[in-house]
């Protein structure tokens, strides 16, 4: 957030990162993983995770929020 305020718009360094694949990470450590991309899929995915007898990671994809600069 604040670091971006001091960088030129065409030269953003170390302030935006790719999304990790938490489902793959979960599977890599031996637990279940479910990716949720639409709000309508959340309830079913959460129910599936809660009813499972195994640890489960929910990777819930949300929209990026545009950066805004505070005045002052």
PDB file of N, CA and C in Angstrom:
ATOM      1  N   UNK A   1       0.795  -1.182   0.000  1.00  0.00           N
ATOM      2  CA  UNK A   1       0.000   0.000   0.000  1.00  0.00           C
ATOM      3  C   UNK A   1       0.842   1.251   0.000  1.00  0.00           C
ATOM      4  N   UNK A   2       1.421   1.599   1.123  1.00  0.00           N
ATOM      5  CA  UNK A   2       2.152   2.860   1.227  1.00  0.00           C
ATOM      6  C   UNK A   2       3.399   2.879   0.357  1.00  0.00           C
ATOM      7  N   UNK A   3       4.051   1.731   0.173  1.00  0.00           N
ATOM      8  CA  UNK A   3       5.251   1.689  -0.655  1.00  0.00           C
ATOM      9  C   UNK A   3       4.914   2.115  -2.078  1.00  0.00           C
ATOM     10  N   UNK A   4       3.753   1.694  -2.589  1.00  0.00           N
ATOM     11  CA  UNK A   4       3.334   2.066  -3.944  1.00  0.00           C
ATOM     12  C   UNK A   4       3.217   3.578  -4.112  1.00  0.00           C
ATOM     13  N   UNK A   5       2.868   4.274  -3.056  1.00  0.00           N
ATOM     14  CA  UNK A   5       2.696   5.722  -3.139  1.00  0.00           C
ATOM     15  C   UNK A   5       3.983   6.437  -3.534  1.00  0.00           C
ATOM     16  N   UNK A   6       5.119   5.824  -3.272  1.00  0.00           N
ATOM     17  CA  UNK A   6       6.399   6.461  -3.540  1.00  0.00           C
ATOM     18  C   UNK A   6       7.089   5.899  -4.779  1.00  0.00           C
ATOM     19  N   UNK A   7       6.385   5.043  -5.525  1.00  0.00           N
ATOM     20  CA  UNK A   7       6.940   4.478  -6.745  1.00  0.00           C
ATOM     21  C   UNK A   7       6.207   5.050  -7.956  1.00  0.00           C
ATOM     22  N   UNK A   8       6.930   5.175  -9.052  1.00  0.00           N
ATOM     23  CA  UNK A   8       6.307   5.632 -10.295  1.00  0.00           C
ATOM     24  C   UNK A   8       5.332   4.558 -10.779  1.00  0.00           C
ATOM     25  N   UNK A   9       4.196   4.951 -11.355  1.00  0.00           N
ATOM     26  CA  UNK A   9       3.198   3.972 -11.799  1.00  0.00           C
ATOM     27  C   UNK A   9       3.741   2.926 -12.768  1.00  0.00           C
ATOM     28  N   UNK A  10       4.734   3.284 -13.572  1.00  0.00           N
ATOM     29  CA  UNK A  10       5.287   2.328 -14.531  1.00  0.00           C
ATOM     30  C   UNK A  10       6.504   1.580 -13.978  1.00  0.00           C
ATOM     31  N   UNK A  11       6.823   1.794 -12.702  1.00  0.00           N
ATOM     32  CA  UNK A  11       7.975   1.119 -12.091  1.00  0.00           C
ATOM     33  C   UNK A  11       7.625   0.594 -10.708  1.00  0.00           C
ATOM     34  N   UNK A  12       6.646  -0.261 -10.626  1.00  0.00           N
ATOM     35  CA  UNK A  12       6.264  -0.872  -9.351  1.00  0.00           C
ATOM     36  C   UNK A  12       7.189  -2.053  -9.076  1.00  0.00           C
ATOM     37  N   UNK A  13       7.859  -2.020  -7.945  1.00  0.00           N
ATOM     38  CA  UNK A  13       8.813  -3.066  -7.600  1.00  0.00           C
ATOM     39  C   UNK A  13       8.441  -3.660  -6.246  1.00  0.00           C
ATOM     40  N   UNK A  14       8.300  -4.976  -6.191  1.00  0.00           N
ATOM     41  CA  UNK A  14       8.074  -5.729  -4.951  1.00  0.00           C
ATOM     42  C   UNK A  14       6.816  -5.294  -4.203  1.00  0.00           C
ATOM     43  N   UNK A  15       5.771  -4.913  -4.929  1.00  0.00           N
ATOM     44  CA  UNK A  15       4.525  -4.526  -4.272  1.00  0.00           C
ATOM     45  C   UNK A  15       3.333  -5.332  -4.765  1.00  0.00           C
ATOM     46  N   UNK A  16       3.498  -6.077  -5.845  1.00  0.00           N
ATOM     47  CA  UNK A  16       2.416  -6.902  -6.367  1.00  0.00           C
ATOM     48  C   UNK A  16       2.959  -8.309  -6.576  1.00  0.00           C
ATOM     49  N   UNK A  17       2.272  -9.286  -6.023  1.00  0.00           N
ATOM     50  CA  UNK A  17       2.759 -10.655  -6.049  1.00  0.00           C
ATOM     51  C   UNK A  17       1.735 -11.560  -6.720  1.00  0.00           C
ATOM     52  N   UNK A  18       2.206 -12.614  -7.389  1.00  0.00           N
ATOM     53  CA  UNK A  18       1.255 -13.559  -7.981  1.00  0.00           C
ATOM     54  C   UNK A  18       0.522 -14.330  -6.882  1.00  0.00           C
ATOM     55  N   UNK A  19      -0.659 -14.801  -7.205  1.00  0.00           N
ATOM     56  CA  UNK A  19      -1.426 -15.590  -6.235  1.00  0.00           C
ATOM     57  C   UNK A  19      -0.838 -16.995  -6.123  1.00  0.00           C
ATOM     58  N   UNK A  20      -0.539 -17.431  -4.926  1.00  0.00           N
ATOM     59  CA  UNK A  20      -0.073 -18.812  -4.772  1.00  0.00           C
ATOM     60  C   UNK A  20      -1.221 -19.780  -5.043  1.00  0.00           C
ATOM     61  N   UNK A  21      -0.878 -20.967  -5.483  1.00  0.00           N
ATOM     62  CA  UNK A  21      -1.876 -22.014  -5.706  1.00  0.00           C
ATOM     63  C   UNK A  21      -2.012 -22.807  -4.404  1.00  0.00           C
ATOM     64  N   UNK A  22      -2.909 -22.351  -3.525  1.00  0.00           N
ATOM     65  CA  UNK A  22      -3.052 -22.979  -2.213  1.00  0.00           C
ATOM     66  C   UNK A  22      -3.585 -24.401  -2.295  1.00  0.00           C
ATOM     67  N   UNK A  23      -4.323 -24.732  -3.355  1.00  0.00           N
ATOM     68  CA  UNK A  23      -4.811 -26.105  -3.521  1.00  0.00           C
ATOM     69  C   UNK A  23      -3.623 -27.041  -3.740  1.00  0.00           C
ATOM     70  N   UNK A  24      -2.684 -26.648  -4.581  1.00  0.00           N
ATOM     71  CA  UNK A  24      -1.491 -27.470  -4.814  1.00  0.00           C
ATOM     72  C   UNK A  24      -0.628 -27.568  -3.563  1.00  0.00           C
ATOM     73  N   UNK A  25      -0.506 -26.468  -2.840  1.00  0.00           N
ATOM     74  CA  UNK A  25       0.261 -26.492  -1.592  1.00  0.00           C
ATOM     75  C   UNK A  25      -0.394 -27.446  -0.602  1.00  0.00           C
ATOM     76  N   UNK A  26      -1.720 -27.370  -0.483  1.00  0.00           N
ATOM     77  CA  UNK A  26      -2.445 -28.263   0.430  1.00  0.00           C
ATOM     78  C   UNK A  26      -2.198 -29.720   0.064  1.00  0.00           C
ATOM     79  N   UNK A  27      -2.335 -30.038  -1.214  1.00  0.00           N
ATOM     80  CA  UNK A  27      -2.111 -31.424  -1.653  1.00  0.00           C
ATOM     81  C   UNK A  27      -0.674 -31.849  -1.393  1.00  0.00           C
ATOM     82  N   UNK A  28       0.260 -30.906  -1.533  1.00  0.00           N
ATOM     83  CA  UNK A  28       1.665 -31.206  -1.295  1.00  0.00           C
ATOM     84  C   UNK A  28       1.974 -31.566   0.149  1.00  0.00           C
ATOM     85  N   UNK A  29       1.168 -31.081   1.086  1.00  0.00           N
ATOM     86  CA  UNK A  29       1.392 -31.425   2.492  1.00  0.00           C
ATOM     87  C   UNK A  29       0.410 -32.485   2.982  1.00  0.00           C
ATOM     88  N   UNK A  30      -0.351 -33.070   2.023  1.00  0.00           N
ATOM     89  CA  UNK A  30      -1.192 -34.213   2.367  1.00  0.00           C
ATOM     90  C   UNK A  30      -2.585 -33.892   2.867  1.00  0.00           C
ATOM     91  N   UNK A  31      -3.084 -32.693   2.591  1.00  0.00           N
ATOM     92  CA  UNK A  31      -4.458 -32.368   2.980  1.00  0.00           C
ATOM     93  C   UNK A  31      -5.256 -32.042   1.721  1.00  0.00           C
ATOM     94  N   UNK A  32      -6.566 -31.977   1.848  1.00  0.00           N
ATOM     95  CA  UNK A  32      -7.417 -31.659   0.708  1.00  0.00           C
ATOM     96  C   UNK A  32      -7.424 -30.156   0.459  1.00  0.00           C
ATOM     97  N   UNK A  33      -7.658 -29.785  -0.782  1.00  0.00           N
ATOM     98  CA  UNK A  33      -7.753 -28.377  -1.139  1.00  0.00           C
ATOM     99  C   UNK A  33      -8.876 -28.153  -2.125  1.00  0.00           C
ATOM    100  N   UNK A  34      -9.634 -27.083  -1.920  1.00  0.00           N
ATOM    101  CA  UNK A  34     -10.745 -26.735  -2.806  1.00  0.00           C
ATOM    102  C   UNK A  34     -10.600 -25.265  -3.187  1.00  0.00           C
ATOM    103  N   UNK A  35     -10.608 -24.988  -4.493  1.00  0.00           N
ATOM    104  CA  UNK A  35     -10.571 -23.599  -4.973  1.00  0.00           C
ATOM    105  C   UNK A  35     -12.005 -23.130  -5.191  1.00  0.00           C
ATOM    106  N   UNK A  36     -12.316 -21.952  -4.651  1.00  0.00           N
ATOM    107  CA  UNK A  36     -13.642 -21.352  -4.801  1.00  0.00           C
ATOM    108  C   UNK A  36     -13.465 -20.074  -5.620  1.00  0.00           C
ATOM    109  N   UNK A  37     -14.022 -20.061  -6.833  1.00  0.00           N
ATOM    110  CA  UNK A  37     -13.844 -18.911  -7.720  1.00  0.00           C
ATOM    111  C   UNK A  37     -15.086 -18.041  -7.825  1.00  0.00           C
ATOM    112  N   UNK A  38     -16.254 -18.595  -7.501  1.00  0.00           N
ATOM    113  CA  UNK A  38     -17.501 -17.824  -7.601  1.00  0.00           C
ATOM    114  C   UNK A  38     -18.193 -17.805  -6.241  1.00  0.00           C
ATOM    115  N   UNK A  39     -18.785 -16.679  -5.872  1.00  0.00           N
ATOM    116  CA  UNK A  39     -19.504 -16.605  -4.592  1.00  0.00           C
ATOM    117  C   UNK A  39     -20.581 -17.679  -4.454  1.00  0.00           C
ATOM    118  N   UNK A  40     -21.185 -18.064  -5.564  1.00  0.00           N
ATOM    119  CA  UNK A  40     -22.244 -19.081  -5.509  1.00  0.00           C
ATOM    120  C   UNK A  40     -21.703 -20.462  -5.158  1.00  0.00           C
ATOM    121  N   UNK A  41     -20.399 -20.669  -5.308  1.00  0.00           N
ATOM    122  CA  UNK A  41     -19.798 -21.965  -4.981  1.00  0.00           C
ATOM    123  C   UNK A  41     -19.313 -22.050  -3.539  1.00  0.00           C
ATOM    124  N   UNK A  42     -19.329 -20.940  -2.823  1.00  0.00           N
ATOM    125  CA  UNK A  42     -18.758 -20.913  -1.479  1.00  0.00           C
ATOM    126  C   UNK A  42     -19.496 -21.835  -0.515  1.00  0.00           C
ATOM    127  N   UNK A  43     -20.814 -21.749  -0.488  1.00  0.00           N
ATOM    128  CA  UNK A  43     -21.576 -22.541   0.482  1.00  0.00           C
ATOM    129  C   UNK A  43     -21.333 -24.038   0.301  1.00  0.00           C
ATOM    130  N   UNK A  44     -21.406 -24.518  -0.930  1.00  0.00           N
ATOM    131  CA  UNK A  44     -21.193 -25.943  -1.181  1.00  0.00           C
ATOM    132  C   UNK A  44     -19.781 -26.388  -0.843  1.00  0.00           C
ATOM    133  N   UNK A  45     -18.810 -25.553  -1.167  1.00  0.00           N
ATOM    134  CA  UNK A  45     -17.413 -25.894  -0.875  1.00  0.00           C
ATOM    135  C   UNK A  45     -17.153 -25.904   0.624  1.00  0.00           C
ATOM    136  N   UNK A  46     -17.716 -24.944   1.333  1.00  0.00           N
ATOM    137  CA  UNK A  46     -17.556 -24.900   2.784  1.00  0.00           C
ATOM    138  C   UNK A  46     -18.220 -26.107   3.434  1.00  0.00           C
ATOM    139  N   UNK A  47     -19.403 -26.446   2.956  1.00  0.00           N
ATOM    140  CA  UNK A  47     -20.105 -27.623   3.488  1.00  0.00           C
ATOM    141  C   UNK A  47     -19.273 -28.888   3.264  1.00  0.00           C
ATOM    142  N   UNK A  48     -18.726 -29.029   2.054  1.00  0.00           N
ATOM    143  CA  UNK A  48     -17.902 -30.194   1.734  1.00  0.00           C
ATOM    144  C   UNK A  48     -16.688 -30.271   2.663  1.00  0.00           C
ATOM    145  N   UNK A  49     -16.048 -29.127   2.911  1.00  0.00           N
ATOM    146  CA  UNK A  49     -14.877 -29.103   3.792  1.00  0.00           C
ATOM    147  C   UNK A  49     -15.248 -29.466   5.223  1.00  0.00           C
ATOM    148  N   UNK A  50     -16.366 -28.928   5.709  1.00  0.00           N
ATOM    149  CA  UNK A  50     -16.782 -29.197   7.090  1.00  0.00           C
ATOM    150  C   UNK A  50     -17.235 -30.635   7.290  1.00  0.00           C
ATOM    151  N   UNK A  51     -17.798 -31.239   6.251  1.00  0.00           N
ATOM    152  CA  UNK A  51     -18.275 -32.619   6.359  1.00  0.00           C
ATOM    153  C   UNK A  51     -17.168 -33.639   6.127  1.00  0.00           C
ATOM    154  N   UNK A  52     -16.028 -33.190   5.643  1.00  0.00           N
ATOM    155  CA  UNK A  52     -14.914 -34.090   5.382  1.00  0.00           C
ATOM    156  C   UNK A  52     -14.279 -34.529   6.698  1.00  0.00           C
ATOM    157  N   UNK A  53     -13.725 -35.724   6.684  1.00  0.00           N
ATOM    158  CA  UNK A  53     -13.011 -36.199   7.873  1.00  0.00           C
ATOM    159  C   UNK A  53     -11.513 -35.886   7.770  1.00  0.00           C
ATOM    160  N   UNK A  54     -11.166 -35.048   6.800  1.00  0.00           N
ATOM    161  CA  UNK A  54      -9.762 -34.676   6.588  1.00  0.00           C
ATOM    162  C   UNK A  54      -9.592 -33.162   6.688  1.00  0.00           C
ATOM    163  N   UNK A  55      -8.396 -32.702   7.037  1.00  0.00           N
ATOM    164  CA  UNK A  55      -8.138 -31.262   6.989  1.00  0.00           C
ATOM    165  C   UNK A  55      -8.302 -30.769   5.548  1.00  0.00           C
ATOM    166  N   UNK A  56      -8.908 -29.612   5.387  1.00  0.00           N
ATOM    167  CA  UNK A  56      -9.183 -29.080   4.048  1.00  0.00           C
ATOM    168  C   UNK A  56      -8.885 -27.585   4.012  1.00  0.00           C
ATOM    169  N   UNK A  57      -8.185 -27.172   2.966  1.00  0.00           N
ATOM    170  CA  UNK A  57      -7.896 -25.760   2.726  1.00  0.00           C
ATOM    171  C   UNK A  57      -8.875 -25.250   1.678  1.00  0.00           C
ATOM    172  N   UNK A  58      -9.550 -24.132   1.973  1.00  0.00           N
ATOM    173  CA  UNK A  58     -10.382 -23.465   0.979  1.00  0.00           C
ATOM    174  C   UNK A  58      -9.582 -22.300   0.415  1.00  0.00           C
ATOM    175  N   UNK A  59      -9.323 -22.331  -0.878  1.00  0.00           N
ATOM    176  CA  UNK A  59      -8.624 -21.243  -1.567  1.00  0.00           C
ATOM    177  C   UNK A  59      -9.698 -20.385  -2.217  1.00  0.00           C
ATOM    178  N   UNK A  60     -10.084 -19.306  -1.548  1.00  0.00           N
ATOM    179  CA  UNK A  60     -11.193 -18.468  -1.997  1.00  0.00           C
ATOM    180  C   UNK A  60     -10.627 -17.289  -2.788  1.00  0.00           C
ATOM    181  N   UNK A  61     -10.941 -17.262  -4.073  1.00  0.00           N
ATOM    182  CA  UNK A  61     -10.445 -16.223  -4.969  1.00  0.00           C
ATOM    183  C   UNK A  61     -11.344 -14.997  -4.850  1.00  0.00           C
ATOM    184  N   UNK A  62     -10.748 -13.859  -4.576  1.00  0.00           N
ATOM    185  CA  UNK A  62     -11.497 -12.602  -4.466  1.00  0.00           C
ATOM    186  C   UNK A  62     -10.924 -11.609  -5.472  1.00  0.00           C
ATOM    187  N   UNK A  63     -11.717 -10.604  -5.814  1.00  0.00           N
ATOM    188  CA  UNK A  63     -11.257  -9.582  -6.747  1.00  0.00           C
ATOM    189  C   UNK A  63     -10.182  -8.721  -6.097  1.00  0.00           C
ATOM    190  N   UNK A  64      -9.214  -8.327  -6.910  1.00  0.00           N
ATOM    191  CA  UNK A  64      -8.218  -7.372  -6.433  1.00  0.00           C
ATOM    192  C   UNK A  64      -8.887  -6.025  -6.216  1.00  0.00           C
ATOM    193  N   UNK A  65      -8.464  -5.340  -5.184  1.00  0.00           N
ATOM    194  CA  UNK A  65      -8.977  -3.997  -4.905  1.00  0.00           C
ATOM    195  C   UNK A  65      -7.975  -3.008  -5.480  1.00  0.00           C
ATOM    196  N   UNK A  66      -8.418  -2.076  -6.326  1.00  0.00           N
ATOM    197  CA  UNK A  66      -7.472  -1.113  -6.893  1.00  0.00           C
ATOM    198  C   UNK A  66      -6.796  -0.294  -5.794  1.00  0.00           C
ATOM    199  N   UNK A  67      -5.531   0.004  -6.009  1.00  0.00           N
ATOM    200  CA  UNK A  67      -4.779   0.816  -5.051  1.00  0.00           C
ATOM    201  C   UNK A  67      -5.256   2.262  -5.125  1.00  0.00           C
ATOM    202  N   UNK A  68      -5.392   2.874  -3.993  1.00  0.00           N
ATOM    203  CA  UNK A  68      -5.718   4.296  -3.965  1.00  0.00           C
ATOM    204  C   UNK A  68      -4.736   4.987  -3.037  1.00  0.00           C
ATOM    205  N   UNK A  69      -4.436   6.216  -3.326  1.00  0.00           N
ATOM    206  CA  UNK A  69      -3.483   6.984  -2.522  1.00  0.00           C
ATOM    207  C   UNK A  69      -4.244   7.856  -1.540  1.00  0.00           C
ATOM    208  N   UNK A  70      -3.840   7.779  -0.288  1.00  0.00           N
ATOM    209  CA  UNK A  70      -4.442   8.630   0.730  1.00  0.00           C
ATOM    210  C   UNK A  70      -4.017  10.071   0.505  1.00  0.00           C
ATOM    211  N   UNK A  71      -4.903  10.989   0.764  1.00  0.00           N
ATOM    212  CA  UNK A  71      -4.544  12.400   0.590  1.00  0.00           C
ATOM    213  C   UNK A  71      -3.653  12.853   1.740  1.00  0.00           C
ATOM    214  N   UNK A  72      -2.900  13.890   1.489  1.00  0.00           N
ATOM    215  CA  UNK A  72      -2.096  14.437   2.570  1.00  0.00           C
ATOM    216  C   UNK A  72      -0.665  14.578   2.259  1.00  0.00           C
TER     217      UNK A  72
END
